[in-house]
Amino acid sequence: MRLDAIRDVLQCEVLTGADLLGTDVDTAVASDAMSAVLAAPHPQALMITGLTNIHSVRTALIAYISAIVYVRGARPDEATIRLAREKKIALLATALGMFDCCGILHRHGIKGAT
């Protein structure tokens, strides 16, 4: 599923990476615990989290994650957005909760990253 389609089904605002919305993802990892995300790399996956500090982007870099969706209306600060822009990681934000995002994406064929 392309990030532009994910943006639409999750009703996301694009915070950075509009030029990356053509990127395909087929797996997602959802957690507010970055240690759980780092347990295994997830090449070209989507991370779903409510953790908005700069560590979310640094975790995505280490785990080869191409995009982050921030849930529950959470929004990262400008330093986090700047780092994501610099490192070419798309950031999206939605008012939906994590559980709802996972369910919607699963219905659209996104698998959980394990």
PDB file of N, CA and C in Angstrom:
ATOM      1  N   MET A   1       0.857  -1.173   0.000  1.00  0.00           N
ATOM      2  CA  MET A   1       0.000   0.000   0.000  1.00  0.00           C
ATOM      3  C   MET A   1       0.903   1.237   0.000  1.00  0.00           C
ATOM      4  N   ARG A   2       0.569   2.184  -0.803  1.00  0.00           N
ATOM      5  CA  ARG A   2       1.378   3.402  -0.871  1.00  0.00           C
ATOM      6  C   ARG A   2       1.038   4.340   0.289  1.00  0.00           C
ATOM      7  N   LEU A   3       2.009   5.155   0.660  1.00  0.00           N
ATOM      8  CA  LEU A   3       1.799   6.086   1.762  1.00  0.00           C
ATOM      9  C   LEU A   3       0.673   7.074   1.483  1.00  0.00           C
ATOM     10  N   ASP A   4       0.464   7.441   0.232  1.00  0.00           N
ATOM     11  CA  ASP A   4      -0.637   8.364  -0.054  1.00  0.00           C
ATOM     12  C   ASP A   4      -1.986   7.714   0.233  1.00  0.00           C
ATOM     13  N   ALA A   5      -2.098   6.410  -0.003  1.00  0.00           N
ATOM     14  CA  ALA A   5      -3.333   5.699   0.323  1.00  0.00           C
ATOM     15  C   ALA A   5      -3.494   5.560   1.838  1.00  0.00           C
ATOM     16  N   ILE A   6      -2.390   5.325   2.532  1.00  0.00           N
ATOM     17  CA  ILE A   6      -2.422   5.255   3.996  1.00  0.00           C
ATOM     18  C   ILE A   6      -2.846   6.602   4.560  1.00  0.00           C
ATOM     19  N   ARG A   7      -2.308   7.675   4.009  1.00  0.00           N
ATOM     20  CA  ARG A   7      -2.713   9.027   4.422  1.00  0.00           C
ATOM     21  C   ARG A   7      -4.225   9.174   4.329  1.00  0.00           C
ATOM     22  N   ASP A   8      -4.785   8.702   3.235  1.00  0.00           N
ATOM     23  CA  ASP A   8      -6.222   8.859   3.009  1.00  0.00           C
ATOM     24  C   ASP A   8      -7.055   8.003   3.953  1.00  0.00           C
ATOM     25  N   VAL A   9      -6.730   6.725   4.094  1.00  0.00           N
ATOM     26  CA  VAL A   9      -7.573   5.844   4.920  1.00  0.00           C
ATOM     27  C   VAL A   9      -7.450   6.148   6.408  1.00  0.00           C
ATOM     28  N   LEU A  10      -6.303   6.688   6.833  1.00  0.00           N
ATOM     29  CA  LEU A  10      -6.138   7.039   8.245  1.00  0.00           C
ATOM     30  C   LEU A  10      -6.420   8.520   8.509  1.00  0.00           C
ATOM     31  N   GLN A  11      -6.839   9.243   7.473  1.00  0.00           N
ATOM     32  CA  GLN A  11      -7.184  10.661   7.606  1.00  0.00           C
ATOM     33  C   GLN A  11      -6.020  11.447   8.216  1.00  0.00           C
ATOM     34  N   CYS A  12      -4.854  11.270   7.625  1.00  0.00           N
ATOM     35  CA  CYS A  12      -3.632  11.868   8.156  1.00  0.00           C
ATOM     36  C   CYS A  12      -3.331  13.235   7.560  1.00  0.00           C
ATOM     37  N   GLU A  13      -2.655  14.017   8.362  1.00  0.00           N
ATOM     38  CA  GLU A  13      -2.002  15.235   7.898  1.00  0.00           C
ATOM     39  C   GLU A  13      -0.547  14.867   7.617  1.00  0.00           C
ATOM     40  N   VAL A  14      -0.012  15.318   6.517  1.00  0.00           N
ATOM     41  CA  VAL A  14       1.395  15.069   6.191  1.00  0.00           C
ATOM     42  C   VAL A  14       2.225  16.172   6.840  1.00  0.00           C
ATOM     43  N   LEU A  15       3.108  15.792   7.753  1.00  0.00           N
ATOM     44  CA  LEU A  15       3.953  16.756   8.450  1.00  0.00           C
ATOM     45  C   LEU A  15       5.251  17.008   7.695  1.00  0.00           C
ATOM     46  N   THR A  16       5.773  15.980   7.083  1.00  0.00           N
ATOM     47  CA  THR A  16       6.939  16.096   6.216  1.00  0.00           C
ATOM     48  C   THR A  16       7.004  14.852   5.338  1.00  0.00           C
ATOM     49  N   GLY A  17       7.637  14.995   4.192  1.00  0.00           N
ATOM     50  CA  GLY A  17       7.789  13.864   3.289  1.00  0.00           C
ATOM     51  C   GLY A  17       6.705  13.744   2.252  1.00  0.00           C
ATOM     52  N   ALA A  18       6.080  14.838   1.880  1.00  0.00           N
ATOM     53  CA  ALA A  18       5.045  14.779   0.838  1.00  0.00           C
ATOM     54  C   ALA A  18       5.599  14.168  -0.443  1.00  0.00           C
ATOM     55  N   ASP A  19       6.872  14.378  -0.698  1.00  0.00           N
ATOM     56  CA  ASP A  19       7.513  13.811  -1.885  1.00  0.00           C
ATOM     57  C   ASP A  19       7.762  12.306  -1.754  1.00  0.00           C
ATOM     58  N   LEU A  20       7.527  11.756  -0.579  1.00  0.00           N
ATOM     59  CA  LEU A  20       7.745  10.321  -0.340  1.00  0.00           C
ATOM     60  C   LEU A  20       6.440   9.528  -0.332  1.00  0.00           C
ATOM     61  N   LEU A  21       5.319  10.174  -0.609  1.00  0.00           N
ATOM     62  CA  LEU A  21       4.018   9.508  -0.497  1.00  0.00           C
ATOM     63  C   LEU A  21       3.801   8.409  -1.531  1.00  0.00           C
ATOM     64  N   GLY A  22       4.665   8.297  -2.507  1.00  0.00           N
ATOM     65  CA  GLY A  22       4.591   7.211  -3.474  1.00  0.00           C
ATOM     66  C   GLY A  22       5.265   5.936  -2.983  1.00  0.00           C
ATOM     67  N   THR A  23       5.858   5.988  -1.804  1.00  0.00           N
ATOM     68  CA  THR A  23       6.562   4.837  -1.234  1.00  0.00           C
ATOM     69  C   THR A  23       5.577   3.741  -0.861  1.00  0.00           C
ATOM     70  N   ASP A  24       5.918   2.509  -1.202  1.00  0.00           N
ATOM     71  CA  ASP A  24       5.099   1.352  -0.833  1.00  0.00           C
ATOM     72  C   ASP A  24       5.541   0.787   0.508  1.00  0.00           C
ATOM     73  N   VAL A  25       4.571   0.422   1.323  1.00  0.00           N
ATOM     74  CA  VAL A  25       4.830  -0.319   2.555  1.00  0.00           C
ATOM     75  C   VAL A  25       3.873  -1.505   2.587  1.00  0.00           C
ATOM     76  N   ASP A  26       4.348  -2.616   3.136  1.00  0.00           N
ATOM     77  CA  ASP A  26       3.464  -3.780   3.245  1.00  0.00           C
ATOM     78  C   ASP A  26       3.376  -4.312   4.658  1.00  0.00           C
ATOM     79  N   THR A  27       4.153  -3.703   5.568  1.00  0.00           N
ATOM     80  CA  THR A  27       4.116  -4.114   6.968  1.00  0.00           C
ATOM     81  C   THR A  27       4.065  -2.883   7.856  1.00  0.00           C
ATOM     82  N   ALA A  28       3.612  -3.088   9.078  1.00  0.00           N
ATOM     83  CA  ALA A  28       3.578  -2.007  10.059  1.00  0.00           C
ATOM     84  C   ALA A  28       3.961  -2.560  11.424  1.00  0.00           C
ATOM     85  N   VAL A  29       4.571  -1.708  12.208  1.00  0.00           N
ATOM     86  CA  VAL A  29       4.872  -2.012  13.598  1.00  0.00           C
ATOM     87  C   VAL A  29       4.241  -0.901  14.429  1.00  0.00           C
ATOM     88  N   ALA A  30       3.516  -1.265  15.477  1.00  0.00           N
ATOM     89  CA  ALA A  30       2.809  -0.283  16.291  1.00  0.00           C
ATOM     90  C   ALA A  30       3.245  -0.420  17.740  1.00  0.00           C
ATOM     91  N   SER A  31       3.823   0.656  18.272  1.00  0.00           N
ATOM     92  CA  SER A  31       4.274   0.623  19.658  1.00  0.00           C
ATOM     93  C   SER A  31       4.674   2.011  20.110  1.00  0.00           C
ATOM     94  N   ASP A  32       4.504   2.259  21.399  1.00  0.00           N
ATOM     95  CA  ASP A  32       5.065   3.449  22.007  1.00  0.00           C
ATOM     96  C   ASP A  32       6.395   3.132  22.676  1.00  0.00           C
ATOM     97  N   ALA A  33       6.770   1.862  22.675  1.00  0.00           N
ATOM     98  CA  ALA A  33       8.046   1.423  23.243  1.00  0.00           C
ATOM     99  C   ALA A  33       9.044   1.236  22.101  1.00  0.00           C
ATOM    100  N   MET A  34       9.980   2.144  21.999  1.00  0.00           N
ATOM    101  CA  MET A  34      10.942   2.077  20.900  1.00  0.00           C
ATOM    102  C   MET A  34      11.820   0.831  20.991  1.00  0.00           C
ATOM    103  N   SER A  35      12.015   0.286  22.176  1.00  0.00           N
ATOM    104  CA  SER A  35      12.786  -0.948  22.309  1.00  0.00           C
ATOM    105  C   SER A  35      12.083  -2.102  21.591  1.00  0.00           C
ATOM    106  N   ALA A  36      10.763  -2.115  21.575  1.00  0.00           N
ATOM    107  CA  ALA A  36      10.020  -3.149  20.854  1.00  0.00           C
ATOM    108  C   ALA A  36      10.204  -3.005  19.353  1.00  0.00           C
ATOM    109  N   VAL A  37      10.263  -1.781  18.881  1.00  0.00           N
ATOM    110  CA  VAL A  37      10.471  -1.528  17.450  1.00  0.00           C
ATOM    111  C   VAL A  37      11.883  -1.969  17.051  1.00  0.00           C
ATOM    112  N   LEU A  38      12.843  -1.740  17.935  1.00  0.00           N
ATOM    113  CA  LEU A  38      14.235  -2.077  17.638  1.00  0.00           C
ATOM    114  C   LEU A  38      14.546  -3.561  17.772  1.00  0.00           C
ATOM    115  N   ALA A  39      13.603  -4.350  18.254  1.00  0.00           N
ATOM    116  CA  ALA A  39      13.846  -5.784  18.444  1.00  0.00           C
ATOM    117  C   ALA A  39      14.216  -6.473  17.138  1.00  0.00           C
ATOM    118  N   ALA A  40      13.742  -5.956  16.021  1.00  0.00           N
ATOM    119  CA  ALA A  40      14.093  -6.500  14.703  1.00  0.00           C
ATOM    120  C   ALA A  40      13.922  -5.392  13.681  1.00  0.00           C
ATOM    121  N   PRO A  41      14.801  -5.334  12.677  1.00  0.00           N
ATOM    122  CA  PRO A  41      14.639  -4.313  11.635  1.00  0.00           C
ATOM    123  C   PRO A  41      13.378  -4.570  10.808  1.00  0.00           C
ATOM    124  N   HIS A  42      12.822  -3.529  10.292  1.00  0.00           N
ATOM    125  CA  HIS A  42      11.585  -3.616   9.514  1.00  0.00           C
ATOM    126  C   HIS A  42      11.750  -2.822   8.226  1.00  0.00           C
ATOM    127  N   PRO A  43      12.532  -3.339   7.286  1.00  0.00           N
ATOM    128  CA  PRO A  43      12.784  -2.565   6.054  1.00  0.00           C
ATOM    129  C   PRO A  43      11.490  -2.142   5.364  1.00  0.00           C
ATOM    130  N   GLN A  44      11.423  -0.864   5.071  1.00  0.00           N
ATOM    131  CA  GLN A  44      10.301  -0.256   4.357  1.00  0.00           C
ATOM    132  C   GLN A  44       8.957  -0.419   5.067  1.00  0.00           C
ATOM    133  N   ALA A  45       8.985  -0.545   6.380  1.00  0.00           N
ATOM    134  CA  ALA A  45       7.745  -0.661   7.137  1.00  0.00           C
ATOM    135  C   ALA A  45       7.253   0.717   7.568  1.00  0.00           C
ATOM    136  N   LEU A  46       6.063   0.727   8.104  1.00  0.00           N
ATOM    137  CA  LEU A  46       5.433   1.904   8.672  1.00  0.00           C
ATOM    138  C   LEU A  46       5.434   1.732  10.181  1.00  0.00           C
ATOM    139  N   MET A  47       5.815   2.764  10.930  1.00  0.00           N
ATOM    140  CA  MET A  47       5.737   2.720  12.386  1.00  0.00           C
ATOM    141  C   MET A  47       4.550   3.562  12.826  1.00  0.00           C
ATOM    142  N   ILE A  48       3.741   2.998  13.712  1.00  0.00           N
ATOM    143  CA  ILE A  48       2.583   3.673  14.265  1.00  0.00           C
ATOM    144  C   ILE A  48       2.866   3.879  15.745  1.00  0.00           C
ATOM    145  N   THR A  49       2.844   5.133  16.190  1.00  0.00           N
ATOM    146  CA  THR A  49       3.221   5.422  17.574  1.00  0.00           C
ATOM    147  C   THR A  49       2.591   6.720  18.054  1.00  0.00           C
ATOM    148  N   GLY A  50       2.542   6.865  19.353  1.00  0.00           N
ATOM    149  CA  GLY A  50       2.138   8.119  19.966  1.00  0.00           C
ATOM    150  C   GLY A  50       3.336   8.862  20.525  1.00  0.00           C
ATOM    151  N   LEU A  51       4.508   8.250  20.442  1.00  0.00           N
ATOM    152  CA  LEU A  51       5.740   8.859  20.944  1.00  0.00           C
ATOM    153  C   LEU A  51       6.246   9.859  19.922  1.00  0.00           C
ATOM    154  N   THR A  52       6.242  11.127  20.268  1.00  0.00           N
ATOM    155  CA  THR A  52       6.540  12.164  19.283  1.00  0.00           C
ATOM    156  C   THR A  52       7.916  12.787  19.425  1.00  0.00           C
ATOM    157  N   ASN A  53       8.719  12.337  20.362  1.00  0.00           N
ATOM    158  CA  ASN A  53      10.025  12.979  20.504  1.00  0.00           C
ATOM    159  C   ASN A  53      10.992  12.492  19.424  1.00  0.00           C
ATOM    160  N   ILE A  54      12.160  13.079  19.402  1.00  0.00           N
ATOM    161  CA  ILE A  54      13.141  12.817  18.349  1.00  0.00           C
ATOM    162  C   ILE A  54      13.581  11.350  18.306  1.00  0.00           C
ATOM    163  N   HIS A  55      13.398  10.639  19.428  1.00  0.00           N
ATOM    164  CA  HIS A  55      13.785   9.225  19.464  1.00  0.00           C
ATOM    165  C   HIS A  55      12.953   8.373  18.506  1.00  0.00           C
ATOM    166  N   SER A  56      11.737   8.813  18.197  1.00  0.00           N
ATOM    167  CA  SER A  56      10.927   8.048  17.241  1.00  0.00           C
ATOM    168  C   SER A  56      11.584   8.051  15.865  1.00  0.00           C
ATOM    169  N   VAL A  57      12.109   9.181  15.446  1.00  0.00           N
ATOM    170  CA  VAL A  57      12.775   9.261  14.141  1.00  0.00           C
ATOM    171  C   VAL A  57      14.108   8.513  14.190  1.00  0.00           C
ATOM    172  N   ARG A  58      14.841   8.656  15.262  1.00  0.00           N
ATOM    173  CA  ARG A  58      16.112   7.923  15.376  1.00  0.00           C
ATOM    174  C   ARG A  58      15.871   6.417  15.362  1.00  0.00           C
ATOM    175  N   THR A  59      14.820   5.969  16.008  1.00  0.00           N
ATOM    176  CA  THR A  59      14.463   4.546  15.993  1.00  0.00           C
ATOM    177  C   THR A  59      14.113   4.102  14.580  1.00  0.00           C
ATOM    178  N   ALA A  60      13.347   4.911  13.870  1.00  0.00           N
ATOM    179  CA  ALA A  60      12.986   4.581  12.488  1.00  0.00           C
ATOM    180  C   ALA A  60      14.233   4.433  11.628  1.00  0.00           C
ATOM    181  N   LEU A  61      15.199   5.293  11.824  1.00  0.00           N
ATOM    182  CA  LEU A  61      16.454   5.210  11.060  1.00  0.00           C
ATOM    183  C   LEU A  61      17.167   3.891  11.310  1.00  0.00           C
ATOM    184  N   ILE A  62      17.294   3.530  12.556  1.00  0.00           N
ATOM    185  CA  ILE A  62      18.005   2.303  12.920  1.00  0.00           C
ATOM    186  C   ILE A  62      17.271   1.068  12.413  1.00  0.00           C
ATOM    187  N   ALA A  63      15.937   1.092  12.454  1.00  0.00           N
ATOM    188  CA  ALA A  63      15.119  -0.066  12.076  1.00  0.00           C
ATOM    189  C   ALA A  63      14.722  -0.063  10.599  1.00  0.00           C
ATOM    190  N   TYR A  64      15.260   0.871   9.801  1.00  0.00           N
ATOM    191  CA  TYR A  64      14.977   0.950   8.355  1.00  0.00           C
ATOM    192  C   TYR A  64      13.498   1.192   8.068  1.00  0.00           C
ATOM    193  N   ILE A  65      12.845   1.949   8.898  1.00  0.00           N
ATOM    194  CA  ILE A  65      11.427   2.284   8.725  1.00  0.00           C
ATOM    195  C   ILE A  65      11.322   3.534   7.862  1.00  0.00           C
ATOM    196  N   SER A  66      10.426   3.498   6.887  1.00  0.00           N
ATOM    197  CA  SER A  66      10.352   4.602   5.927  1.00  0.00           C
ATOM    198  C   SER A  66       9.359   5.689   6.288  1.00  0.00           C
ATOM    199  N   ALA A  67       8.448   5.420   7.222  1.00  0.00           N
ATOM    200  CA  ALA A  67       7.434   6.416   7.561  1.00  0.00           C
ATOM    201  C   ALA A  67       6.901   6.170   8.967  1.00  0.00           C
ATOM    202  N   ILE A  68       6.459   7.246   9.589  1.00  0.00           N
ATOM    203  CA  ILE A  68       5.870   7.182  10.928  1.00  0.00           C
ATOM    204  C   ILE A  68       4.494   7.829  10.881  1.00  0.00           C
ATOM    205  N   VAL A  69       3.518   7.163  11.500  1.00  0.00           N
ATOM    206  CA  VAL A  69       2.204   7.757  11.716  1.00  0.00           C
ATOM    207  C   VAL A  69       2.068   7.994  13.213  1.00  0.00           C
ATOM    208  N   TYR A  70       1.892   9.257  13.587  1.00  0.00           N
ATOM    209  CA  TYR A  70       1.652   9.611  14.982  1.00  0.00           C
ATOM    210  C   TYR A  70       0.154   9.589  15.232  1.00  0.00           C
ATOM    211  N   VAL A  71      -0.264   8.920  16.297  1.00  0.00           N
ATOM    212  CA  VAL A  71      -1.684   8.683  16.574  1.00  0.00           C
ATOM    213  C   VAL A  71      -2.189   9.557  17.719  1.00  0.00           C
ATOM    214  N   ARG A  72      -3.495   9.500  17.923  1.00  0.00           N
ATOM    215  CA  ARG A  72      -4.176  10.189  19.024  1.00  0.00           C
ATOM    216  C   ARG A  72      -3.966  11.698  18.997  1.00  0.00           C
ATOM    217  N   GLY A  73      -3.763  12.257  17.807  1.00  0.00           N
ATOM    218  CA  GLY A  73      -3.585  13.694  17.682  1.00  0.00           C
ATOM    219  C   GLY A  73      -2.220  14.199  18.122  1.00  0.00           C
ATOM    220  N   ALA A  74      -1.306  13.283  18.401  1.00  0.00           N
ATOM    221  CA  ALA A  74       0.037  13.667  18.843  1.00  0.00           C
ATOM    222  C   ALA A  74       0.817  14.281  17.687  1.00  0.00           C
ATOM    223  N   ARG A  75       1.630  15.269  18.010  1.00  0.00           N
ATOM    224  CA  ARG A  75       2.430  15.947  16.981  1.00  0.00           C
ATOM    225  C   ARG A  75       3.848  16.144  17.494  1.00  0.00           C
ATOM    226  N   PRO A  76       4.833  15.848  16.651  1.00  0.00           N
ATOM    227  CA  PRO A  76       6.231  16.040  17.055  1.00  0.00           C
ATOM    228  C   PRO A  76       6.613  17.518  17.031  1.00  0.00           C
ATOM    229  N   ASP A  77       7.706  17.825  17.736  1.00  0.00           N
ATOM    230  CA  ASP A  77       8.198  19.204  17.710  1.00  0.00           C
ATOM    231  C   ASP A  77       8.986  19.461  16.430  1.00  0.00           C
ATOM    232  N   GLU A  78       9.384  20.700  16.241  1.00  0.00           N
ATOM    233  CA  GLU A  78      10.054  21.105  15.005  1.00  0.00           C
ATOM    234  C   GLU A  78      11.389  20.392  14.806  1.00  0.00           C
ATOM    235  N   ALA A  79      12.139  20.130  15.877  1.00  0.00           N
ATOM    236  CA  ALA A  79      13.427  19.430  15.754  1.00  0.00           C
ATOM    237  C   ALA A  79      13.225  18.016  15.215  1.00  0.00           C
ATOM    238  N   THR A  80      12.184  17.367  15.653  1.00  0.00           N
ATOM    239  CA  THR A  80      11.879  16.010  15.180  1.00  0.00           C
ATOM    240  C   THR A  80      11.492  16.046  13.702  1.00  0.00           C
ATOM    241  N   ILE A  81      10.674  17.006  13.326  1.00  0.00           N
ATOM    242  CA  ILE A  81      10.273  17.149  11.928  1.00  0.00           C
ATOM    243  C   ILE A  81      11.488  17.449  11.051  1.00  0.00           C
ATOM    244  N   ARG A  82      12.362  18.313  11.522  1.00  0.00           N
ATOM    245  CA  ARG A  82      13.580  18.649  10.763  1.00  0.00           C
ATOM    246  C   ARG A  82      14.441  17.421  10.529  1.00  0.00           C
ATOM    247  N   LEU A  83      14.648  16.605  11.579  1.00  0.00           N
ATOM    248  CA  LEU A  83      15.468  15.403  11.435  1.00  0.00           C
ATOM    249  C   LEU A  83      14.830  14.439  10.435  1.00  0.00           C
ATOM    250  N   ALA A  84      13.520  14.261  10.511  1.00  0.00           N
ATOM    251  CA  ALA A  84      12.826  13.372   9.577  1.00  0.00           C
ATOM    252  C   ALA A  84      12.972  13.877   8.147  1.00  0.00           C
ATOM    253  N   ARG A  85      12.850  15.164   7.966  1.00  0.00           N
ATOM    254  CA  ARG A  85      12.998  15.754   6.628  1.00  0.00           C
ATOM    255  C   ARG A  85      14.415  15.499   6.106  1.00  0.00           C
ATOM    256  N   GLU A  86      15.393  15.724   6.955  1.00  0.00           N
ATOM    257  CA  GLU A  86      16.798  15.526   6.579  1.00  0.00           C
ATOM    258  C   GLU A  86      17.096  14.070   6.230  1.00  0.00           C
ATOM    259  N   LYS A  87      16.490  13.138   6.976  1.00  0.00           N
ATOM    260  CA  LYS A  87      16.768  11.709   6.795  1.00  0.00           C
ATOM    261  C   LYS A  87      15.780  11.026   5.859  1.00  0.00           C
ATOM    262  N   LYS A  88      14.876  11.798   5.249  1.00  0.00           N
ATOM    263  CA  LYS A  88      13.916  11.268   4.265  1.00  0.00           C
ATOM    264  C   LYS A  88      12.966  10.223   4.866  1.00  0.00           C
ATOM    265  N   ILE A  89      12.405  10.564   6.008  1.00  0.00           N
ATOM    266  CA  ILE A  89      11.385   9.734   6.646  1.00  0.00           C
ATOM    267  C   ILE A  89      10.092  10.542   6.644  1.00  0.00           C
ATOM    268  N   ALA A  90       9.048   9.970   6.076  1.00  0.00           N
ATOM    269  CA  ALA A  90       7.754  10.652   6.027  1.00  0.00           C
ATOM    270  C   ALA A  90       7.110  10.624   7.414  1.00  0.00           C
ATOM    271  N   LEU A  91       6.551  11.757   7.817  1.00  0.00           N
ATOM    272  CA  LEU A  91       5.815  11.845   9.077  1.00  0.00           C
ATOM    273  C   LEU A  91       4.381  12.237   8.785  1.00  0.00           C
ATOM    274  N   LEU A  92       3.465  11.449   9.346  1.00  0.00           N
ATOM    275  CA  LEU A  92       2.039  11.720   9.202  1.00  0.00           C
ATOM    276  C   LEU A  92       1.423  11.747  10.596  1.00  0.00           C
ATOM    277  N   ALA A  93       0.322  12.448  10.746  1.00  0.00           N
ATOM    278  CA  ALA A  93      -0.366  12.530  12.034  1.00  0.00           C
ATOM    279  C   ALA A  93      -1.857  12.321  11.822  1.00  0.00           C
ATOM    280  N   THR A  94      -2.460  11.565  12.743  1.00  0.00           N
ATOM    281  CA  THR A  94      -3.895  11.308  12.680  1.00  0.00           C
ATOM    282  C   THR A  94      -4.510  11.445  14.070  1.00  0.00           C
ATOM    283  N   ALA A  95      -5.779  11.749  14.107  1.00  0.00           N
ATOM    284  CA  ALA A  95      -6.515  11.813  15.369  1.00  0.00           C
ATOM    285  C   ALA A  95      -6.939  10.421  15.833  1.00  0.00           C
ATOM    286  N   LEU A  96      -6.869   9.440  14.944  1.00  0.00           N
ATOM    287  CA  LEU A  96      -7.277   8.073  15.287  1.00  0.00           C
ATOM    288  C   LEU A  96      -6.344   7.465  16.327  1.00  0.00           C
ATOM    289  N   GLY A  97      -6.847   6.509  17.067  1.00  0.00           N
ATOM    290  CA  GLY A  97      -6.039   5.780  18.037  1.00  0.00           C
ATOM    291  C   GLY A  97      -5.215   4.694  17.365  1.00  0.00           C
ATOM    292  N   MET A  98      -4.256   4.171  18.095  1.00  0.00           N
ATOM    293  CA  MET A  98      -3.363   3.151  17.554  1.00  0.00           C
ATOM    294  C   MET A  98      -4.131   1.888  17.139  1.00  0.00           C
ATOM    295  N   PHE A  99      -5.041   1.423  17.987  1.00  0.00           N
ATOM    296  CA  PHE A  99      -5.803   0.213  17.695  1.00  0.00           C
ATOM    297  C   PHE A  99      -6.609   0.380  16.413  1.00  0.00           C
ATOM    298  N   ASP A 100      -7.269   1.513  16.279  1.00  0.00           N
ATOM    299  CA  ASP A 100      -8.064   1.766  15.076  1.00  0.00           C
ATOM    300  C   ASP A 100      -7.182   1.807  13.834  1.00  0.00           C
ATOM    301  N   CYS A 101      -6.035   2.462  13.927  1.00  0.00           N
ATOM    302  CA  CYS A 101      -5.114   2.522  12.779  1.00  0.00           C
ATOM    303  C   CYS A 101      -4.691   1.121  12.355  1.00  0.00           C
ATOM    304  N   CYS A 102      -4.342   0.304  13.329  1.00  0.00           N
ATOM    305  CA  CYS A 102      -3.902  -1.059  13.012  1.00  0.00           C
ATOM    306  C   CYS A 102      -5.015  -1.850  12.338  1.00  0.00           C
ATOM    307  N   GLY A 103      -6.226  -1.723  12.848  1.00  0.00           N
ATOM    308  CA  GLY A 103      -7.353  -2.442  12.256  1.00  0.00           C
ATOM    309  C   GLY A 103      -7.640  -2.003  10.830  1.00  0.00           C
ATOM    310  N   ILE A 104      -7.630  -0.707  10.605  1.00  0.00           N
ATOM    311  CA  ILE A 104      -7.887  -0.174   9.263  1.00  0.00           C
ATOM    312  C   ILE A 104      -6.810  -0.655   8.294  1.00  0.00           C
ATOM    313  N   LEU A 105      -5.552  -0.556   8.706  1.00  0.00           N
ATOM    314  CA  LEU A 105      -4.460  -0.979   7.824  1.00  0.00           C
ATOM    315  C   LEU A 105      -4.502  -2.477   7.564  1.00  0.00           C
ATOM    316  N   HIS A 106      -4.841  -3.254   8.575  1.00  0.00           N
ATOM    317  CA  HIS A 106      -4.946  -4.707   8.384  1.00  0.00           C
ATOM    318  C   HIS A 106      -6.033  -5.032   7.351  1.00  0.00           C
ATOM    319  N   ARG A 107      -7.145  -4.345   7.429  1.00  0.00           N
ATOM    320  CA  ARG A 107      -8.224  -4.543   6.450  1.00  0.00           C
ATOM    321  C   ARG A 107      -7.772  -4.203   5.040  1.00  0.00           C
ATOM    322  N   HIS A 108      -6.781  -3.334   4.928  1.00  0.00           N
ATOM    323  CA  HIS A 108      -6.262  -2.931   3.617  1.00  0.00           C
ATOM    324  C   HIS A 108      -5.028  -3.721   3.210  1.00  0.00           C
ATOM    325  N   GLY A 109      -4.751  -4.818   3.909  1.00  0.00           N
ATOM    326  CA  GLY A 109      -3.676  -5.723   3.476  1.00  0.00           C
ATOM    327  C   GLY A 109      -2.312  -5.515   4.104  1.00  0.00           C
ATOM    328  N   ILE A 110      -2.193  -4.568   5.022  1.00  0.00           N
ATOM    329  CA  ILE A 110      -0.908  -4.361   5.707  1.00  0.00           C
ATOM    330  C   ILE A 110      -0.758  -5.446   6.774  1.00  0.00           C
ATOM    331  N   LYS A 111       0.401  -6.081   6.765  1.00  0.00           N
ATOM    332  CA  LYS A 111       0.705  -7.135   7.738  1.00  0.00           C
ATOM    333  C   LYS A 111       1.468  -6.534   8.907  1.00  0.00           C
ATOM    334  N   GLY A 112       1.377  -7.203  10.045  1.00  0.00           N
ATOM    335  CA  GLY A 112       2.170  -6.800  11.199  1.00  0.00           C
ATOM    336  C   GLY A 112       3.608  -7.238  11.023  1.00  0.00           C
ATOM    337  N   ALA A 113       4.540  -6.370  11.372  1.00  0.00           N
ATOM    338  CA  ALA A 113       5.962  -6.706  11.298  1.00  0.00           C
ATOM    339  C   ALA A 113       6.337  -7.496  12.544  1.00  0.00           C
ATOM    340  N   THR A 114       6.957  -8.630  12.338  1.00  0.00           N
ATOM    341  CA  THR A 114       7.364  -9.458  13.485  1.00  0.00           C
ATOM    342  C   THR A 114       8.832  -9.775  13.407  1.00  0.00           C
TER     343      THR A 114
END
